[in-house]
Amino acid sequence: MSTRRNGKKPVGKAEAPVRDLDLVGIGSMVVDRMHRTRRVLSANEKGLLESAPGAGPVQSCIGGLMLNQLGWAALFGLEVGIFGRQADDEAGRRLRRAMARAGIRAQLDLSGSASSIAEIFVDGAGERAIYMAAAATSETRPEHLRRDHADFIARARRLSTEVSQLPLDTTLAALELAHAAGLETVVDLDVLPSDAVATLGSRKQLDAVLAAADLLKPTAAAVRELFPEEKELAPLARRLRERY
């Protein structure tokens, strides 16, 4: 039986956090606008869009690297959640309705300038070019995570994040909060390192993010840019593991 003396609470073991989520994520949650074209154009070229069967030349769907990951995990029966910044606009409302249908729990700040969209051009061979407007995702700062989302992160067993739309210092803050709470972490390196440094932060921050991941998932193009002297994927994977 516990007692109090001098108005102070008794000292005891700290309660373990409630881990009611298998996976939480922060990053791309996007309305994708899909365009069919005979081929992806080069600079200063023009081309006609093609209509998909039963639809027009532009089709919209729910996407984004992080939202896709969480949606797949939910389909496999995992308890998942997403957090970060969005906007109270039509794209954001559509994204939130899709999250609710998929059973993805959301802790979102709706004060962003706009919700994220992507314009995707797909050619006849299935190759694609993607232009992203990160908007609210790119406005998410480390202090937002520490102030608003630390408790949500601590409810999970694993955290997944990305190098794609989220600023690198914010990605690193998410990884630090996750590790402090005892979570395993995954980082998806989805853009070329040179593009990440040009648009999301510094090379020092990028290296810190890659080193902080427990599981690192790069695109083949991204890892080849990191180690241009290697040609085959197996030695590329070894080099990546050795460095990070």
C-alpha atoms as a PDB file:
ATOM      1  CA  MET A   1       0.000   0.000   0.000  1.00  0.00           C
ATOM      2  CA  SER A   2       1.405   3.404  -0.964  1.00  0.00           C
ATOM      3  CA  THR A   3       1.414   6.354   1.391  1.00  0.00           C
ATOM      4  CA  ARG A   4       2.197  10.051   1.118  1.00  0.00           C
ATOM      5  CA  ARG A   5       4.322  12.109   3.489  1.00  0.00           C
ATOM      6  CA  ASN A   6       4.552  15.895   3.499  1.00  0.00           C
ATOM      7  CA  GLY A   7       2.159  16.073   0.551  1.00  0.00           C
ATOM      8  CA  LYS A   8       4.615  14.336  -1.782  1.00  0.00           C
ATOM      9  CA  LYS A   9       3.814  11.400  -4.008  1.00  0.00           C
ATOM     10  CA  PRO A  10       5.633   8.162  -3.171  1.00  0.00           C
ATOM     11  CA  VAL A  11       8.620   7.314  -5.322  1.00  0.00           C
ATOM     12  CA  GLY A  12       8.169   4.189  -7.396  1.00  0.00           C
ATOM     13  CA  LYS A  13       8.840   2.711 -10.793  1.00  0.00           C
ATOM     14  CA  ALA A  14       7.831   4.775 -13.795  1.00  0.00           C
ATOM     15  CA  GLU A  15       4.850   3.364 -15.616  1.00  0.00           C
ATOM     16  CA  ALA A  16       5.629   1.781 -18.978  1.00  0.00           C
ATOM     17  CA  PRO A  17       4.113   3.625 -21.942  1.00  0.00           C
ATOM     18  CA  VAL A  18       0.983   2.153 -23.484  1.00  0.00           C
ATOM     19  CA  ARG A  19       2.020   0.725 -26.861  1.00  0.00           C
ATOM     20  CA  ASP A  20      -1.340   0.568 -28.616  1.00  0.00           C
ATOM     21  CA  LEU A  21       0.092   1.275 -32.087  1.00  0.00           C
ATOM     22  CA  ASP A  22       2.302  -1.087 -34.064  1.00  0.00           C
ATOM     23  CA  LEU A  23       3.572   1.622 -36.409  1.00  0.00           C
ATOM     24  CA  VAL A  24       3.436   5.405 -36.694  1.00  0.00           C
ATOM     25  CA  GLY A  25       4.734   7.500 -39.548  1.00  0.00           C
ATOM     26  CA  ILE A  26       5.429  11.048 -40.625  1.00  0.00           C
ATOM     27  CA  GLY A  27       5.986  12.185 -44.199  1.00  0.00           C
ATOM     28  CA  SER A  28       4.230  12.295 -47.534  1.00  0.00           C
ATOM     29  CA  MET A  29       0.424  12.156 -47.550  1.00  0.00           C
ATOM     30  CA  VAL A  30      -0.594  13.315 -50.968  1.00  0.00           C
ATOM     31  CA  VAL A  31      -3.432  13.605 -53.442  1.00  0.00           C
ATOM     32  CA  ASP A  32      -1.878  12.201 -56.636  1.00  0.00           C
ATOM     33  CA  ARG A  33      -3.068  13.587 -59.961  1.00  0.00           C
ATOM     34  CA  MET A  34      -2.251  10.949 -62.588  1.00  0.00           C
ATOM     35  CA  HIS A  35      -1.691  11.864 -66.243  1.00  0.00           C
ATOM     36  CA  ARG A  36      -1.214   9.380 -69.083  1.00  0.00           C
ATOM     37  CA  THR A  37       1.105  10.349 -71.882  1.00  0.00           C
ATOM     38  CA  ARG A  38       2.755   8.534 -74.777  1.00  0.00           C
ATOM     39  CA  ARG A  39       6.172   9.436 -73.375  1.00  0.00           C
ATOM     40  CA  VAL A  40       7.626  11.586 -70.621  1.00  0.00           C
ATOM     41  CA  LEU A  41       8.735  14.830 -72.248  1.00  0.00           C
ATOM     42  CA  SER A  42      12.107  16.505 -72.126  1.00  0.00           C
ATOM     43  CA  ALA A  43      12.657  20.246 -71.714  1.00  0.00           C
ATOM     44  CA  ASN A  44      10.911  22.509 -74.251  1.00  0.00           C
ATOM     45  CA  GLU A  45       8.776  19.685 -75.678  1.00  0.00           C
ATOM     46  CA  LYS A  46       5.001  19.472 -75.976  1.00  0.00           C
ATOM     47  CA  GLY A  47       2.751  16.430 -75.983  1.00  0.00           C
ATOM     48  CA  LEU A  48      -0.879  15.375 -75.655  1.00  0.00           C
ATOM     49  CA  LEU A  49      -2.330  13.650 -72.624  1.00  0.00           C
ATOM     50  CA  GLU A  50      -4.173  10.390 -73.227  1.00  0.00           C
ATOM     51  CA  SER A  51      -7.437   9.351 -71.614  1.00  0.00           C
ATOM     52  CA  ALA A  52      -7.544   6.201 -69.506  1.00  0.00           C
ATOM     53  CA  PRO A  53     -10.325   3.717 -70.368  1.00  0.00           C
ATOM     54  CA  GLY A  54     -13.555   4.926 -68.795  1.00  0.00           C
ATOM     55  CA  ALA A  55     -11.937   8.098 -67.486  1.00  0.00           C
ATOM     56  CA  GLY A  56     -10.550  11.394 -68.673  1.00  0.00           C
ATOM     57  CA  PRO A  57      -6.925  12.442 -69.084  1.00  0.00           C
ATOM     58  CA  VAL A  58      -6.496  13.222 -65.354  1.00  0.00           C
ATOM     59  CA  GLN A  59      -7.270  10.791 -62.517  1.00  0.00           C
ATOM     60  CA  SER A  60      -6.905  11.625 -58.826  1.00  0.00           C
ATOM     61  CA  CYS A  61      -6.103   9.101 -56.121  1.00  0.00           C
ATOM     62  CA  ILE A  62      -4.766   8.955 -52.576  1.00  0.00           C
ATOM     63  CA  GLY A  63      -1.022   8.452 -52.293  1.00  0.00           C
ATOM     64  CA  GLY A  64       2.218   9.624 -50.814  1.00  0.00           C
ATOM     65  CA  LEU A  65       5.120   7.466 -49.719  1.00  0.00           C
ATOM     66  CA  MET A  66       4.236   7.459 -46.038  1.00  0.00           C
ATOM     67  CA  LEU A  67       0.469   7.176 -46.404  1.00  0.00           C
ATOM     68  CA  ASN A  68       0.938   4.255 -48.802  1.00  0.00           C
ATOM     69  CA  GLN A  69       3.174   2.445 -46.294  1.00  0.00           C
ATOM     70  CA  LEU A  70       0.680   2.914 -43.480  1.00  0.00           C
ATOM     71  CA  GLY A  71      -2.239   1.908 -45.683  1.00  0.00           C
ATOM     72  CA  TRP A  72      -0.503  -1.356 -46.617  1.00  0.00           C
ATOM     73  CA  ALA A  73       0.322  -2.034 -42.958  1.00  0.00           C
ATOM     74  CA  ALA A  74      -3.318  -1.447 -41.988  1.00  0.00           C
ATOM     75  CA  LEU A  75      -4.439  -3.926 -44.655  1.00  0.00           C
ATOM     76  CA  PHE A  76      -2.238  -6.537 -42.941  1.00  0.00           C
ATOM     77  CA  GLY A  77      -4.033  -5.893 -39.653  1.00  0.00           C
ATOM     78  CA  LEU A  78      -1.523  -3.640 -37.913  1.00  0.00           C
ATOM     79  CA  GLU A  79      -2.599  -0.711 -35.735  1.00  0.00           C
ATOM     80  CA  VAL A  80      -1.107   2.346 -37.415  1.00  0.00           C
ATOM     81  CA  GLY A  81      -1.079   6.115 -37.018  1.00  0.00           C
ATOM     82  CA  ILE A  82       0.125   9.166 -38.883  1.00  0.00           C
ATOM     83  CA  PHE A  83       1.114  12.565 -37.527  1.00  0.00           C
ATOM     84  CA  GLY A  84       2.370  15.882 -38.852  1.00  0.00           C
ATOM     85  CA  ARG A  85       1.010  18.943 -40.604  1.00  0.00           C
ATOM     86  CA  GLN A  86      -1.760  19.290 -43.159  1.00  0.00           C
ATOM     87  CA  ALA A  87      -4.273  21.973 -44.200  1.00  0.00           C
ATOM     88  CA  ASP A  88      -8.025  22.305 -43.819  1.00  0.00           C
ATOM     89  CA  ASP A  89      -8.578  22.348 -47.584  1.00  0.00           C
ATOM     90  CA  GLU A  90     -10.326  20.000 -49.996  1.00  0.00           C
ATOM     91  CA  ALA A  91      -7.209  17.902 -50.604  1.00  0.00           C
ATOM     92  CA  GLY A  92      -6.675  17.541 -46.848  1.00  0.00           C
ATOM     93  CA  ARG A  93     -10.301  16.595 -46.220  1.00  0.00           C
ATOM     94  CA  ARG A  94     -10.102  13.961 -48.940  1.00  0.00           C
ATOM     95  CA  LEU A  95      -6.904  12.558 -47.438  1.00  0.00           C
ATOM     96  CA  ARG A  96      -8.397  12.442 -43.944  1.00  0.00           C
ATOM     97  CA  ARG A  97     -11.512  10.635 -45.182  1.00  0.00           C
ATOM     98  CA  ALA A  98      -9.274   8.024 -46.805  1.00  0.00           C
ATOM     99  CA  MET A  99      -7.256   7.626 -43.604  1.00  0.00           C
ATOM    100  CA  ALA A 100     -10.433   7.083 -41.600  1.00  0.00           C
ATOM    101  CA  ARG A 101     -11.687   4.458 -44.066  1.00  0.00           C
ATOM    102  CA  ALA A 102      -8.362   2.606 -43.806  1.00  0.00           C
ATOM    103  CA  GLY A 103      -8.384   2.709 -40.006  1.00  0.00           C
ATOM    104  CA  ILE A 104      -5.304   4.941 -39.815  1.00  0.00           C
ATOM    105  CA  ARG A 105      -5.338   7.015 -36.650  1.00  0.00           C
ATOM    106  CA  ALA A 106      -4.300  10.602 -37.281  1.00  0.00           C
ATOM    107  CA  GLN A 107      -2.832  13.320 -35.109  1.00  0.00           C
ATOM    108  CA  LEU A 108      -2.607  16.244 -37.516  1.00  0.00           C
ATOM    109  CA  ASP A 109      -2.048  19.978 -37.214  1.00  0.00           C
ATOM    110  CA  LEU A 110      -4.287  21.613 -39.853  1.00  0.00           C
ATOM    111  CA  SER A 111      -2.541  24.988 -39.870  1.00  0.00           C
ATOM    112  CA  GLY A 112      -0.462  24.307 -42.998  1.00  0.00           C
ATOM    113  CA  SER A 113      -0.631  26.535 -46.057  1.00  0.00           C
ATOM    114  CA  ALA A 114      -1.983  23.712 -48.240  1.00  0.00           C
ATOM    115  CA  SER A 115      -2.142  19.926 -48.255  1.00  0.00           C
ATOM    116  CA  SER A 116       0.344  18.075 -50.411  1.00  0.00           C
ATOM    117  CA  ILE A 117      -0.352  17.152 -54.026  1.00  0.00           C
ATOM    118  CA  ALA A 118       1.679  15.477 -56.761  1.00  0.00           C
ATOM    119  CA  GLU A 119       1.439  15.651 -60.538  1.00  0.00           C
ATOM    120  CA  ILE A 120       2.429  12.258 -61.983  1.00  0.00           C
ATOM    121  CA  PHE A 121       3.013  11.617 -65.680  1.00  0.00           C
ATOM    122  CA  VAL A 122       3.025   7.952 -66.749  1.00  0.00           C
ATOM    123  CA  ASP A 123       4.183   6.832 -70.190  1.00  0.00           C
ATOM    124  CA  GLY A 124       3.164   3.835 -72.275  1.00  0.00           C
ATOM    125  CA  ALA A 125       5.865   1.636 -70.726  1.00  0.00           C
ATOM    126  CA  GLY A 126       4.775   2.473 -67.197  1.00  0.00           C
ATOM    127  CA  GLU A 127       7.723   4.769 -66.460  1.00  0.00           C
ATOM    128  CA  ARG A 128       6.841   7.977 -64.660  1.00  0.00           C
ATOM    129  CA  ALA A 129       7.893  11.486 -63.760  1.00  0.00           C
ATOM    130  CA  ILE A 130       6.614  12.909 -60.466  1.00  0.00           C
ATOM    131  CA  TYR A 131       6.415  16.587 -59.504  1.00  0.00           C
ATOM    132  CA  MET A 132       5.582  17.126 -55.827  1.00  0.00           C
ATOM    133  CA  ALA A 133       4.145  20.168 -54.046  1.00  0.00           C
ATOM    134  CA  ALA A 134       5.038  19.308 -50.444  1.00  0.00           C
ATOM    135  CA  ALA A 135       3.257  22.339 -48.932  1.00  0.00           C
ATOM    136  CA  ALA A 136       2.271  21.577 -45.297  1.00  0.00           C
ATOM    137  CA  THR A 137       4.631  18.599 -45.062  1.00  0.00           C
ATOM    138  CA  SER A 138       7.606  20.827 -45.840  1.00  0.00           C
ATOM    139  CA  GLU A 139       6.405  23.318 -43.197  1.00  0.00           C
ATOM    140  CA  THR A 140       6.633  20.772 -40.365  1.00  0.00           C
ATOM    141  CA  ARG A 141       9.394  21.796 -37.943  1.00  0.00           C
ATOM    142  CA  PRO A 142      11.231  19.887 -35.192  1.00  0.00           C
ATOM    143  CA  GLU A 143       9.570  22.005 -32.499  1.00  0.00           C
ATOM    144  CA  HIS A 144       6.138  20.902 -33.785  1.00  0.00           C
ATOM    145  CA  LEU A 145       7.090  17.269 -33.197  1.00  0.00           C
ATOM    146  CA  ARG A 146       8.525  17.863 -29.734  1.00  0.00           C
ATOM    147  CA  ARG A 147       5.574  19.988 -28.630  1.00  0.00           C
ATOM    148  CA  ASP A 148       2.633  18.238 -30.268  1.00  0.00           C
ATOM    149  CA  HIS A 149       3.522  14.665 -31.189  1.00  0.00           C
ATOM    150  CA  ALA A 150       6.033  13.166 -28.721  1.00  0.00           C
ATOM    151  CA  ASP A 151       3.292  11.352 -26.778  1.00  0.00           C
ATOM    152  CA  PHE A 152       1.765   9.973 -29.983  1.00  0.00           C
ATOM    153  CA  ILE A 153       5.158   8.631 -31.102  1.00  0.00           C
ATOM    154  CA  ALA A 154       5.677   6.984 -27.700  1.00  0.00           C
ATOM    155  CA  ARG A 155       2.460   4.962 -28.176  1.00  0.00           C
ATOM    156  CA  ALA A 156       4.037   2.975 -31.025  1.00  0.00           C
ATOM    157  CA  ARG A 157       6.494   0.127 -31.387  1.00  0.00           C
ATOM    158  CA  ARG A 158       8.060   1.389 -34.615  1.00  0.00           C
ATOM    159  CA  LEU A 159       8.354   4.665 -36.486  1.00  0.00           C
ATOM    160  CA  SER A 160       8.670   5.076 -40.239  1.00  0.00           C
ATOM    161  CA  THR A 161       9.757   8.296 -41.915  1.00  0.00           C
ATOM    162  CA  GLU A 162      11.310   9.470 -45.158  1.00  0.00           C
ATOM    163  CA  VAL A 163      13.720  11.569 -47.146  1.00  0.00           C
ATOM    164  CA  SER A 164      11.288  12.904 -49.726  1.00  0.00           C
ATOM    165  CA  GLN A 165       9.185  15.903 -48.640  1.00  0.00           C
ATOM    166  CA  LEU A 166       9.943  16.372 -44.950  1.00  0.00           C
ATOM    167  CA  PRO A 167      12.797  18.744 -43.986  1.00  0.00           C
ATOM    168  CA  LEU A 168      15.860  16.781 -42.888  1.00  0.00           C
ATOM    169  CA  ASP A 169      16.058  18.398 -39.461  1.00  0.00           C
ATOM    170  CA  THR A 170      12.423  17.411 -38.863  1.00  0.00           C
ATOM    171  CA  THR A 171      13.083  13.849 -40.009  1.00  0.00           C
ATOM    172  CA  LEU A 172      16.036  13.695 -37.628  1.00  0.00           C
ATOM    173  CA  ALA A 173      13.902  15.051 -34.759  1.00  0.00           C
ATOM    174  CA  ALA A 174      11.320  12.311 -35.395  1.00  0.00           C
ATOM    175  CA  LEU A 175      14.050   9.655 -35.245  1.00  0.00           C
ATOM    176  CA  GLU A 176      15.481  11.126 -32.034  1.00  0.00           C
ATOM    177  CA  LEU A 177      12.061  11.181 -30.350  1.00  0.00           C
ATOM    178  CA  ALA A 178      11.432   7.610 -31.446  1.00  0.00           C
ATOM    179  CA  HIS A 179      14.755   6.331 -30.125  1.00  0.00           C
ATOM    180  CA  ALA A 180      14.243   8.170 -26.842  1.00  0.00           C
ATOM    181  CA  ALA A 181      10.918   6.345 -26.481  1.00  0.00           C
ATOM    182  CA  GLY A 182      12.447   2.959 -27.347  1.00  0.00           C
ATOM    183  CA  LEU A 183      11.040   2.571 -30.872  1.00  0.00           C
ATOM    184  CA  GLU A 184      12.669   0.861 -33.825  1.00  0.00           C
ATOM    185  CA  THR A 185      12.947   3.196 -36.846  1.00  0.00           C
ATOM    186  CA  VAL A 186      12.733   2.958 -40.633  1.00  0.00           C
ATOM    187  CA  VAL A 187      13.873   5.604 -43.133  1.00  0.00           C
ATOM    188  CA  ASP A 188      12.876   5.520 -46.791  1.00  0.00           C
ATOM    189  CA  LEU A 189      15.442   7.379 -48.935  1.00  0.00           C
ATOM    190  CA  ASP A 190      13.126   8.140 -51.832  1.00  0.00           C
ATOM    191  CA  VAL A 191      14.881  11.008 -53.650  1.00  0.00           C
ATOM    192  CA  LEU A 192      18.446  11.444 -54.874  1.00  0.00           C
ATOM    193  CA  PRO A 193      20.803  12.621 -52.108  1.00  0.00           C
ATOM    194  CA  SER A 194      21.751  15.645 -54.235  1.00  0.00           C
ATOM    195  CA  ASP A 195      18.082  16.655 -54.470  1.00  0.00           C
ATOM    196  CA  ALA A 196      17.594  16.109 -50.728  1.00  0.00           C
ATOM    197  CA  VAL A 197      20.541  18.411 -49.951  1.00  0.00           C
ATOM    198  CA  ALA A 198      19.304  21.009 -52.461  1.00  0.00           C
ATOM    199  CA  THR A 199      15.732  21.149 -51.135  1.00  0.00           C
ATOM    200  CA  LEU A 200      15.445  19.581 -47.670  1.00  0.00           C
ATOM    201  CA  GLY A 201      18.580  20.459 -45.697  1.00  0.00           C
ATOM    202  CA  SER A 202      22.344  19.925 -45.531  1.00  0.00           C
ATOM    203  CA  ARG A 203      24.593  16.971 -46.343  1.00  0.00           C
ATOM    204  CA  LYS A 204      25.498  16.748 -42.648  1.00  0.00           C
ATOM    205  CA  GLN A 205      21.797  16.423 -41.766  1.00  0.00           C
ATOM    206  CA  LEU A 206      21.255  13.819 -44.485  1.00  0.00           C
ATOM    207  CA  ASP A 207      24.123  11.696 -43.181  1.00  0.00           C
ATOM    208  CA  ALA A 208      22.767  12.010 -39.635  1.00  0.00           C
ATOM    209  CA  VAL A 209      19.312  10.841 -40.769  1.00  0.00           C
ATOM    210  CA  LEU A 210      20.704   7.835 -42.641  1.00  0.00           C
ATOM    211  CA  ALA A 211      22.911   6.878 -39.695  1.00  0.00           C
ATOM    212  CA  ALA A 212      20.006   7.174 -37.235  1.00  0.00           C
ATOM    213  CA  ALA A 213      17.798   4.650 -39.064  1.00  0.00           C
ATOM    214  CA  ASP A 214      17.590   1.105 -37.731  1.00  0.00           C
ATOM    215  CA  LEU A 215      16.341   0.011 -41.147  1.00  0.00           C
ATOM    216  CA  LEU A 216      17.298   2.014 -44.238  1.00  0.00           C
ATOM    217  CA  LYS A 217      15.336   1.594 -47.483  1.00  0.00           C
ATOM    218  CA  PRO A 218      16.852   3.544 -50.407  1.00  0.00           C
ATOM    219  CA  THR A 219      15.890   3.568 -54.048  1.00  0.00           C
ATOM    220  CA  ALA A 220      18.468   2.000 -56.351  1.00  0.00           C
ATOM    221  CA  ALA A 221      19.102   5.395 -57.962  1.00  0.00           C
ATOM    222  CA  ALA A 222      19.694   7.039 -54.573  1.00  0.00           C
ATOM    223  CA  VAL A 223      22.205   4.464 -53.362  1.00  0.00           C
ATOM    224  CA  ARG A 224      24.038   4.532 -56.700  1.00  0.00           C
ATOM    225  CA  GLU A 225      24.500   8.276 -56.321  1.00  0.00           C
ATOM    226  CA  LEU A 226      25.964   7.733 -52.840  1.00  0.00           C
ATOM    227  CA  PHE A 227      28.472   5.187 -54.168  1.00  0.00           C
ATOM    228  CA  PRO A 228      28.940   5.886 -57.897  1.00  0.00           C
ATOM    229  CA  GLU A 229      32.002   3.628 -58.125  1.00  0.00           C
ATOM    230  CA  GLU A 230      29.856   0.536 -57.402  1.00  0.00           C
ATOM    231  CA  LYS A 231      27.695  -0.983 -60.137  1.00  0.00           C
ATOM    232  CA  GLU A 232      25.998  -4.014 -58.585  1.00  0.00           C
ATOM    233  CA  LEU A 233      23.310  -3.881 -55.897  1.00  0.00           C
ATOM    234  CA  ALA A 234      24.901  -6.392 -53.489  1.00  0.00           C
ATOM    235  CA  PRO A 235      28.141  -4.419 -52.984  1.00  0.00           C
ATOM    236  CA  LEU A 236      26.078  -1.217 -52.888  1.00  0.00           C
ATOM    237  CA  ALA A 237      24.072  -2.642 -49.993  1.00  0.00           C
ATOM    238  CA  ARG A 238      27.283  -3.603 -48.159  1.00  0.00           C
ATOM    239  CA  ARG A 239      28.742  -0.130 -48.637  1.00  0.00           C
ATOM    240  CA  LEU A 240      25.544   1.460 -47.380  1.00  0.00           C
ATOM    241  CA  ARG A 241      25.558  -0.710 -44.262  1.00  0.00           C
ATOM    242  CA  GLU A 242      29.250  -0.044 -43.584  1.00  0.00           C
ATOM    243  CA  ARG A 243      28.896   3.743 -43.835  1.00  0.00           C
ATOM    244  CA  TYR A 244      25.588   4.169 -42.002  1.00  0.00           C
END
